[in-house]
Amino acid sequence: MKLLATLLIAASLAAPVLTTHAAGEKPAAAPGAAAAPEAPKVAKPDIAKGSATFGGVCVACHGADGNAAVAAYPKLAQQHPEYIVKQLMEYKSGKRNNAIMKGFASALSDDDMRNIAYWVTTQKAKQGFAKDKELVALGERIYRGGIADRQIAACAGCHSPTGAGIPSQFPRLAGQNAEYTVTQLGYFRDGTRANSVQMNQVAAKLNDREIKAVSDYIAGLR
């Protein structure tokens, strides 16, 4: 009997200790255990600061409300904020090569970029218009259906039939200044702009007339 009692005591000492916790209460970490890393906290965009920074840095080229009046510059109003942040970061890093924009972007912090992007997306984009009646039908065919025999994908597949784009993935195009779009497609085609392999591949197959046609059609999308 003494031997049995001794064995029972030894077994109870060796068994793991079970503890109970109140509902919603987390058990304490074991001594020496590493704490799980917390996800980095991202500050909520400050729309007021974004408006102020935009007014001091971006307004001259992109307009007071993000609707650039000069056709060589892009309209930013209603653009997806994730896309704007990505472009600003890539201007800053040099992945997207533009000396003027690199100078501006380099002076912005990550928070500045997010504040600007989330403010400008609250601004309503002004409608644009297609101007070349002879080319607009060709532009519509390319945008909506691509060019199958040359394996050129339809723009609508990524940017949506209305040009609204897909948040976090593909930018809004509707109403964009045609001159700016022509320039960017040319940059994608010759490799000057190299921050989208997908667009490099598409633009490489387009000739000047097709680029002009689809850019003019995009300007009139709504």
C-alpha atoms as a PDB file:
ATOM      1  CA  MET A   1       0.000   0.000   0.000  1.00  0.00           C
ATOM      2  CA  LYS A   2       2.824   2.390   0.806  1.00  0.00           C
ATOM      3  CA  LEU A   3       4.349   1.642  -2.615  1.00  0.00           C
ATOM      4  CA  LEU A   4       1.002   2.365  -4.367  1.00  0.00           C
ATOM      5  CA  ALA A   5       0.565   5.681  -2.489  1.00  0.00           C
ATOM      6  CA  THR A   6       4.098   6.715  -3.418  1.00  0.00           C
ATOM      7  CA  LEU A   7       3.425   5.985  -7.140  1.00  0.00           C
ATOM      8  CA  LEU A   8       0.156   7.969  -7.101  1.00  0.00           C
ATOM      9  CA  ILE A   9       1.850  11.002  -5.541  1.00  0.00           C
ATOM     10  CA  ALA A  10       4.665  10.858  -8.114  1.00  0.00           C
ATOM     11  CA  ALA A  11       2.176  10.647 -10.983  1.00  0.00           C
ATOM     12  CA  SER A  12       0.209  13.643  -9.744  1.00  0.00           C
ATOM     13  CA  LEU A  13       3.362  15.751  -9.508  1.00  0.00           C
ATOM     14  CA  ALA A  14       4.421  14.821 -13.042  1.00  0.00           C
ATOM     15  CA  ALA A  15       0.992  15.532 -14.630  1.00  0.00           C
ATOM     16  CA  PRO A  16       0.491  18.953 -16.374  1.00  0.00           C
ATOM     17  CA  VAL A  17      -1.370  21.524 -14.341  1.00  0.00           C
ATOM     18  CA  LEU A  18      -4.697  22.523 -15.934  1.00  0.00           C
ATOM     19  CA  THR A  19      -6.023  25.993 -15.260  1.00  0.00           C
ATOM     20  CA  THR A  20      -9.328  27.574 -16.047  1.00  0.00           C
ATOM     21  CA  HIS A  21      -9.889  31.081 -17.327  1.00  0.00           C
ATOM     22  CA  ALA A  22     -12.829  33.409 -17.251  1.00  0.00           C
ATOM     23  CA  ALA A  23     -14.746  33.810 -20.517  1.00  0.00           C
ATOM     24  CA  GLY A  24     -12.774  36.014 -22.896  1.00  0.00           C
ATOM     25  CA  GLU A  25      -9.654  35.884 -20.749  1.00  0.00           C
ATOM     26  CA  LYS A  26      -6.413  34.842 -22.436  1.00  0.00           C
ATOM     27  CA  PRO A  27      -4.100  32.422 -20.617  1.00  0.00           C
ATOM     28  CA  ALA A  28      -0.811  33.867 -19.453  1.00  0.00           C
ATOM     29  CA  ALA A  29       2.180  33.098 -21.651  1.00  0.00           C
ATOM     30  CA  ALA A  30       4.488  30.406 -20.367  1.00  0.00           C
ATOM     31  CA  PRO A  31       7.643  31.746 -18.715  1.00  0.00           C
ATOM     32  CA  GLY A  32      10.281  32.477 -21.352  1.00  0.00           C
ATOM     33  CA  ALA A  33       7.827  32.140 -24.266  1.00  0.00           C
ATOM     34  CA  ALA A  34       8.183  34.794 -26.986  1.00  0.00           C
ATOM     35  CA  ALA A  35       5.168  37.090 -27.387  1.00  0.00           C
ATOM     36  CA  ALA A  36       3.447  36.982 -30.781  1.00  0.00           C
ATOM     37  CA  PRO A  37       4.426  40.034 -32.873  1.00  0.00           C
ATOM     38  CA  GLU A  38       1.693  42.630 -33.233  1.00  0.00           C
ATOM     39  CA  ALA A  39       0.707  43.829 -36.685  1.00  0.00           C
ATOM     40  CA  PRO A  40       2.034  47.338 -37.378  1.00  0.00           C
ATOM     41  CA  LYS A  41      -0.584  50.008 -36.783  1.00  0.00           C
ATOM     42  CA  VAL A  42      -1.414  52.186 -39.787  1.00  0.00           C
ATOM     43  CA  ALA A  43      -2.641  55.655 -38.974  1.00  0.00           C
ATOM     44  CA  LYS A  44      -6.073  56.591 -40.260  1.00  0.00           C
ATOM     45  CA  PRO A  45      -5.764  58.976 -43.221  1.00  0.00           C
ATOM     46  CA  ASP A  46      -6.093  62.622 -42.255  1.00  0.00           C
ATOM     47  CA  ILE A  47      -8.260  64.103 -45.004  1.00  0.00           C
ATOM     48  CA  ALA A  48      -7.749  67.688 -43.815  1.00  0.00           C
ATOM     49  CA  LYS A  49      -3.968  67.318 -43.926  1.00  0.00           C
ATOM     50  CA  GLY A  50      -4.261  65.637 -47.308  1.00  0.00           C
ATOM     51  CA  SER A  51      -6.179  68.618 -48.667  1.00  0.00           C
ATOM     52  CA  ALA A  52      -3.595  71.044 -47.266  1.00  0.00           C
ATOM     53  CA  THR A  53      -0.627  69.101 -48.643  1.00  0.00           C
ATOM     54  CA  PHE A  54      -2.279  68.704 -52.036  1.00  0.00           C
ATOM     55  CA  GLY A  55      -2.943  72.436 -52.136  1.00  0.00           C
ATOM     56  CA  GLY A  56       0.691  73.199 -51.396  1.00  0.00           C
ATOM     57  CA  VAL A  57       2.367  70.585 -53.574  1.00  0.00           C
ATOM     58  CA  CYS A  58       0.097  69.169 -56.288  1.00  0.00           C
ATOM     59  CA  VAL A  59      -2.409  71.853 -57.219  1.00  0.00           C
ATOM     60  CA  ALA A  60      -0.309  73.618 -59.882  1.00  0.00           C
ATOM     61  CA  CYS A  61      -0.337  70.601 -62.206  1.00  0.00           C
ATOM     62  CA  HIS A  62      -3.345  68.559 -61.079  1.00  0.00           C
ATOM     63  CA  GLY A  63      -5.892  71.297 -60.377  1.00  0.00           C
ATOM     64  CA  ALA A  64      -7.480  72.452 -57.132  1.00  0.00           C
ATOM     65  CA  ASP A  65      -9.866  69.498 -57.075  1.00  0.00           C
ATOM     66  CA  GLY A  66      -7.669  66.902 -58.763  1.00  0.00           C
ATOM     67  CA  ASN A  67      -9.050  67.610 -62.245  1.00  0.00           C
ATOM     68  CA  ALA A  68      -5.988  68.660 -64.209  1.00  0.00           C
ATOM     69  CA  ALA A  69      -6.885  71.355 -66.730  1.00  0.00           C
ATOM     70  CA  VAL A  70      -3.665  70.844 -68.698  1.00  0.00           C
ATOM     71  CA  ALA A  71      -4.070  67.752 -70.904  1.00  0.00           C
ATOM     72  CA  ALA A  72      -0.475  66.651 -70.392  1.00  0.00           C
ATOM     73  CA  TYR A  73      -1.159  65.989 -66.698  1.00  0.00           C
ATOM     74  CA  PRO A  74      -3.449  63.290 -65.280  1.00  0.00           C
ATOM     75  CA  LYS A  75      -6.765  63.822 -63.570  1.00  0.00           C
ATOM     76  CA  LEU A  76      -6.511  62.392 -60.057  1.00  0.00           C
ATOM     77  CA  ALA A  77     -10.029  63.031 -58.756  1.00  0.00           C
ATOM     78  CA  GLN A  78     -11.872  59.821 -57.773  1.00  0.00           C
ATOM     79  CA  GLN A  79      -8.764  57.737 -58.413  1.00  0.00           C
ATOM     80  CA  HIS A  80      -8.370  54.721 -56.143  1.00  0.00           C
ATOM     81  CA  PRO A  81      -6.236  55.813 -53.169  1.00  0.00           C
ATOM     82  CA  GLU A  82      -4.209  52.586 -53.154  1.00  0.00           C
ATOM     83  CA  TYR A  83      -3.155  53.268 -56.737  1.00  0.00           C
ATOM     84  CA  ILE A  84      -2.101  56.841 -55.979  1.00  0.00           C
ATOM     85  CA  VAL A  85      -0.061  55.734 -52.962  1.00  0.00           C
ATOM     86  CA  LYS A  86       1.638  53.042 -55.061  1.00  0.00           C
ATOM     87  CA  GLN A  87       2.577  55.526 -57.788  1.00  0.00           C
ATOM     88  CA  LEU A  88       3.933  58.088 -55.330  1.00  0.00           C
ATOM     89  CA  MET A  89       6.041  55.438 -53.606  1.00  0.00           C
ATOM     90  CA  GLU A  90       7.390  54.269 -56.959  1.00  0.00           C
ATOM     91  CA  TYR A  91       8.220  57.819 -58.030  1.00  0.00           C
ATOM     92  CA  LYS A  92      10.083  58.218 -54.746  1.00  0.00           C
ATOM     93  CA  SER A  93      11.989  54.950 -55.146  1.00  0.00           C
ATOM     94  CA  GLY A  94      12.709  55.549 -58.830  1.00  0.00           C
ATOM     95  CA  LYS A  95      10.779  52.488 -60.003  1.00  0.00           C
ATOM     96  CA  ARG A  96       8.615  54.902 -61.977  1.00  0.00           C
ATOM     97  CA  ASN A  97      11.000  57.324 -63.596  1.00  0.00           C
ATOM     98  CA  ASN A  98       9.991  60.979 -63.748  1.00  0.00           C
ATOM     99  CA  ALA A  99      12.377  63.657 -62.528  1.00  0.00           C
ATOM    100  CA  ILE A 100       9.662  66.174 -61.637  1.00  0.00           C
ATOM    101  CA  MET A 101       7.478  63.721 -59.747  1.00  0.00           C
ATOM    102  CA  LYS A 102      10.471  62.160 -58.001  1.00  0.00           C
ATOM    103  CA  GLY A 103      11.344  65.579 -56.587  1.00  0.00           C
ATOM    104  CA  PHE A 104       7.852  66.069 -55.184  1.00  0.00           C
ATOM    105  CA  ALA A 105       7.393  62.488 -53.962  1.00  0.00           C
ATOM    106  CA  SER A 106      10.768  62.423 -52.234  1.00  0.00           C
ATOM    107  CA  ALA A 107       9.612  65.204 -49.933  1.00  0.00           C
ATOM    108  CA  LEU A 108       6.511  63.261 -48.854  1.00  0.00           C
ATOM    109  CA  SER A 109       6.300  60.826 -45.952  1.00  0.00           C
ATOM    110  CA  ASP A 110       4.201  57.661 -46.198  1.00  0.00           C
ATOM    111  CA  ASP A 111       1.499  59.394 -44.143  1.00  0.00           C
ATOM    112  CA  ASP A 112       1.581  62.412 -46.476  1.00  0.00           C
ATOM    113  CA  MET A 113       1.034  60.130 -49.450  1.00  0.00           C
ATOM    114  CA  ARG A 114      -1.889  58.365 -47.821  1.00  0.00           C
ATOM    115  CA  ASN A 115      -3.462  61.642 -46.706  1.00  0.00           C
ATOM    116  CA  ILE A 116      -3.246  63.078 -50.228  1.00  0.00           C
ATOM    117  CA  ALA A 117      -4.550  59.896 -51.843  1.00  0.00           C
ATOM    118  CA  TYR A 118      -7.541  59.563 -49.564  1.00  0.00           C
ATOM    119  CA  TRP A 119      -8.424  63.246 -49.950  1.00  0.00           C
ATOM    120  CA  VAL A 120      -8.196  63.333 -53.732  1.00  0.00           C
ATOM    121  CA  THR A 121     -10.395  60.260 -54.079  1.00  0.00           C
ATOM    122  CA  THR A 122     -13.203  62.225 -52.401  1.00  0.00           C
ATOM    123  CA  GLN A 123     -13.156  64.776 -55.224  1.00  0.00           C
ATOM    124  CA  LYS A 124     -15.552  64.237 -58.123  1.00  0.00           C
ATOM    125  CA  ALA A 125     -13.932  63.628 -61.499  1.00  0.00           C
ATOM    126  CA  LYS A 126     -15.079  65.907 -64.296  1.00  0.00           C
ATOM    127  CA  GLN A 127     -16.349  64.187 -67.404  1.00  0.00           C
ATOM    128  CA  GLY A 128     -14.176  64.218 -70.498  1.00  0.00           C
ATOM    129  CA  PHE A 129     -15.035  63.913 -74.172  1.00  0.00           C
ATOM    130  CA  ALA A 130     -13.763  61.951 -77.150  1.00  0.00           C
ATOM    131  CA  LYS A 131     -12.685  64.381 -79.867  1.00  0.00           C
ATOM    132  CA  ASP A 132     -11.712  62.285 -82.894  1.00  0.00           C
ATOM    133  CA  LYS A 133     -14.862  60.886 -84.502  1.00  0.00           C
ATOM    134  CA  GLU A 134     -12.860  58.910 -87.048  1.00  0.00           C
ATOM    135  CA  LEU A 135     -10.909  57.017 -84.391  1.00  0.00           C
ATOM    136  CA  VAL A 136     -13.398  56.635 -81.561  1.00  0.00           C
ATOM    137  CA  ALA A 137     -15.008  53.500 -83.056  1.00  0.00           C
ATOM    138  CA  LEU A 138     -11.592  51.824 -83.269  1.00  0.00           C
ATOM    139  CA  GLY A 139     -10.832  52.895 -79.717  1.00  0.00           C
ATOM    140  CA  GLU A 140     -14.079  51.402 -78.484  1.00  0.00           C
ATOM    141  CA  ARG A 141     -13.361  48.074 -80.202  1.00  0.00           C
ATOM    142  CA  ILE A 142      -9.905  47.872 -78.617  1.00  0.00           C
ATOM    143  CA  TYR A 143     -11.114  48.938 -75.188  1.00  0.00           C
ATOM    144  CA  ARG A 144     -14.068  46.568 -75.088  1.00  0.00           C
ATOM    145  CA  GLY A 145     -12.852  43.617 -77.133  1.00  0.00           C
ATOM    146  CA  GLY A 146      -9.103  43.907 -77.635  1.00  0.00           C
ATOM    147  CA  ILE A 147      -7.547  42.667 -80.880  1.00  0.00           C
ATOM    148  CA  ALA A 148      -7.849  38.884 -80.850  1.00  0.00           C
ATOM    149  CA  ASP A 149      -5.651  38.030 -83.839  1.00  0.00           C
ATOM    150  CA  ARG A 150      -2.740  39.932 -82.245  1.00  0.00           C
ATOM    151  CA  GLN A 151      -3.473  38.700 -78.716  1.00  0.00           C
ATOM    152  CA  ILE A 152      -4.187  42.169 -77.385  1.00  0.00           C
ATOM    153  CA  ALA A 153      -6.412  41.969 -74.317  1.00  0.00           C
ATOM    154  CA  ALA A 154      -9.457  44.186 -73.897  1.00  0.00           C
ATOM    155  CA  CYS A 155      -8.819  47.146 -71.579  1.00  0.00           C
ATOM    156  CA  ALA A 156     -12.264  46.613 -70.034  1.00  0.00           C
ATOM    157  CA  GLY A 157     -11.115  43.304 -68.552  1.00  0.00           C
ATOM    158  CA  CYS A 158      -8.993  45.121 -65.976  1.00  0.00           C
ATOM    159  CA  HIS A 159     -10.311  48.679 -66.008  1.00  0.00           C
ATOM    160  CA  SER A 160     -14.031  47.730 -66.237  1.00  0.00           C
ATOM    161  CA  PRO A 161     -16.435  48.567 -69.085  1.00  0.00           C
ATOM    162  CA  THR A 162     -17.088  52.037 -67.630  1.00  0.00           C
ATOM    163  CA  GLY A 163     -13.436  52.802 -66.904  1.00  0.00           C
ATOM    164  CA  ALA A 164     -14.021  52.712 -63.140  1.00  0.00           C
ATOM    165  CA  GLY A 165     -11.104  50.321 -62.594  1.00  0.00           C
ATOM    166  CA  ILE A 166     -10.806  47.845 -59.743  1.00  0.00           C
ATOM    167  CA  PRO A 167      -9.772  49.240 -56.324  1.00  0.00           C
ATOM    168  CA  SER A 168      -6.338  48.115 -55.103  1.00  0.00           C
ATOM    169  CA  GLN A 169      -5.594  46.516 -58.472  1.00  0.00           C
ATOM    170  CA  PHE A 170      -6.266  48.627 -61.568  1.00  0.00           C
ATOM    171  CA  PRO A 171      -6.675  52.411 -61.851  1.00  0.00           C
ATOM    172  CA  ARG A 172      -9.727  54.378 -62.838  1.00  0.00           C
ATOM    173  CA  LEU A 173      -9.452  55.594 -66.457  1.00  0.00           C
ATOM    174  CA  ALA A 174     -12.836  57.167 -67.207  1.00  0.00           C
ATOM    175  CA  GLY A 175     -12.508  60.743 -68.446  1.00  0.00           C
ATOM    176  CA  GLN A 176      -8.719  60.754 -68.277  1.00  0.00           C
ATOM    177  CA  ASN A 177      -6.986  63.369 -70.420  1.00  0.00           C
ATOM    178  CA  ALA A 178      -6.285  61.725 -73.784  1.00  0.00           C
ATOM    179  CA  GLU A 179      -2.906  63.408 -74.238  1.00  0.00           C
ATOM    180  CA  TYR A 180      -1.715  62.029 -70.899  1.00  0.00           C
ATOM    181  CA  THR A 181      -2.945  58.506 -71.756  1.00  0.00           C
ATOM    182  CA  VAL A 182      -1.207  58.619 -75.160  1.00  0.00           C
ATOM    183  CA  THR A 183       2.050  59.577 -73.447  1.00  0.00           C
ATOM    184  CA  GLN A 184       1.806  56.853 -70.812  1.00  0.00           C
ATOM    185  CA  LEU A 185       0.981  54.115 -73.332  1.00  0.00           C
ATOM    186  CA  GLY A 186       3.989  55.259 -75.346  1.00  0.00           C
ATOM    187  CA  TYR A 187       6.158  55.042 -72.230  1.00  0.00           C
ATOM    188  CA  PHE A 188       4.847  51.562 -71.483  1.00  0.00           C
ATOM    189  CA  ARG A 189       5.524  50.516 -75.069  1.00  0.00           C
ATOM    190  CA  ASP A 190       9.148  51.690 -75.209  1.00  0.00           C
ATOM    191  CA  GLY A 191       9.949  50.668 -71.622  1.00  0.00           C
ATOM    192  CA  THR A 192      10.411  54.194 -70.266  1.00  0.00           C
ATOM    193  CA  ARG A 193       7.700  53.354 -67.764  1.00  0.00           C
ATOM    194  CA  ALA A 194       8.498  49.977 -66.277  1.00  0.00           C
ATOM    195  CA  ASN A 195       6.311  49.686 -63.177  1.00  0.00           C
ATOM    196  CA  SER A 196       3.712  47.396 -64.781  1.00  0.00           C
ATOM    197  CA  VAL A 197       4.837  44.360 -66.764  1.00  0.00           C
ATOM    198  CA  GLN A 198       1.256  43.711 -67.818  1.00  0.00           C
ATOM    199  CA  MET A 199       0.934  47.159 -69.386  1.00  0.00           C
ATOM    200  CA  ASN A 200       4.357  46.882 -71.021  1.00  0.00           C
ATOM    201  CA  GLN A 201       3.178  43.706 -72.738  1.00  0.00           C
ATOM    202  CA  VAL A 202      -0.120  45.202 -73.906  1.00  0.00           C
ATOM    203  CA  ALA A 203       1.296  48.510 -75.134  1.00  0.00           C
ATOM    204  CA  ALA A 204       4.138  46.760 -76.990  1.00  0.00           C
ATOM    205  CA  LYS A 205       1.561  45.401 -79.455  1.00  0.00           C
ATOM    206  CA  LEU A 206      -0.221  48.700 -80.150  1.00  0.00           C
ATOM    207  CA  ASN A 207       0.713  51.069 -82.965  1.00  0.00           C
ATOM    208  CA  ASP A 208       0.480  54.858 -82.748  1.00  0.00           C
ATOM    209  CA  ARG A 209      -2.978  55.016 -84.357  1.00  0.00           C
ATOM    210  CA  GLU A 210      -4.372  52.424 -81.965  1.00  0.00           C
ATOM    211  CA  ILE A 211      -2.893  54.180 -78.940  1.00  0.00           C
ATOM    212  CA  LYS A 212      -4.420  57.475 -80.042  1.00  0.00           C
ATOM    213  CA  ALA A 213      -7.795  55.809 -80.704  1.00  0.00           C
ATOM    214  CA  VAL A 214      -8.096  54.022 -77.362  1.00  0.00           C
ATOM    215  CA  SER A 215      -6.865  57.109 -75.472  1.00  0.00           C
ATOM    216  CA  ASP A 216      -9.508  59.275 -77.129  1.00  0.00           C
ATOM    217  CA  TYR A 217     -12.215  56.716 -76.336  1.00  0.00           C
ATOM    218  CA  ILE A 218     -11.116  56.552 -72.682  1.00  0.00           C
ATOM    219  CA  ALA A 219     -11.417  60.341 -72.418  1.00  0.00           C
ATOM    220  CA  GLY A 220     -15.118  60.050 -73.175  1.00  0.00           C
ATOM    221  CA  LEU A 221     -15.867  57.119 -70.879  1.00  0.00           C
ATOM    222  CA  ARG A 222     -18.315  57.732 -68.055  1.00  0.00           C
END
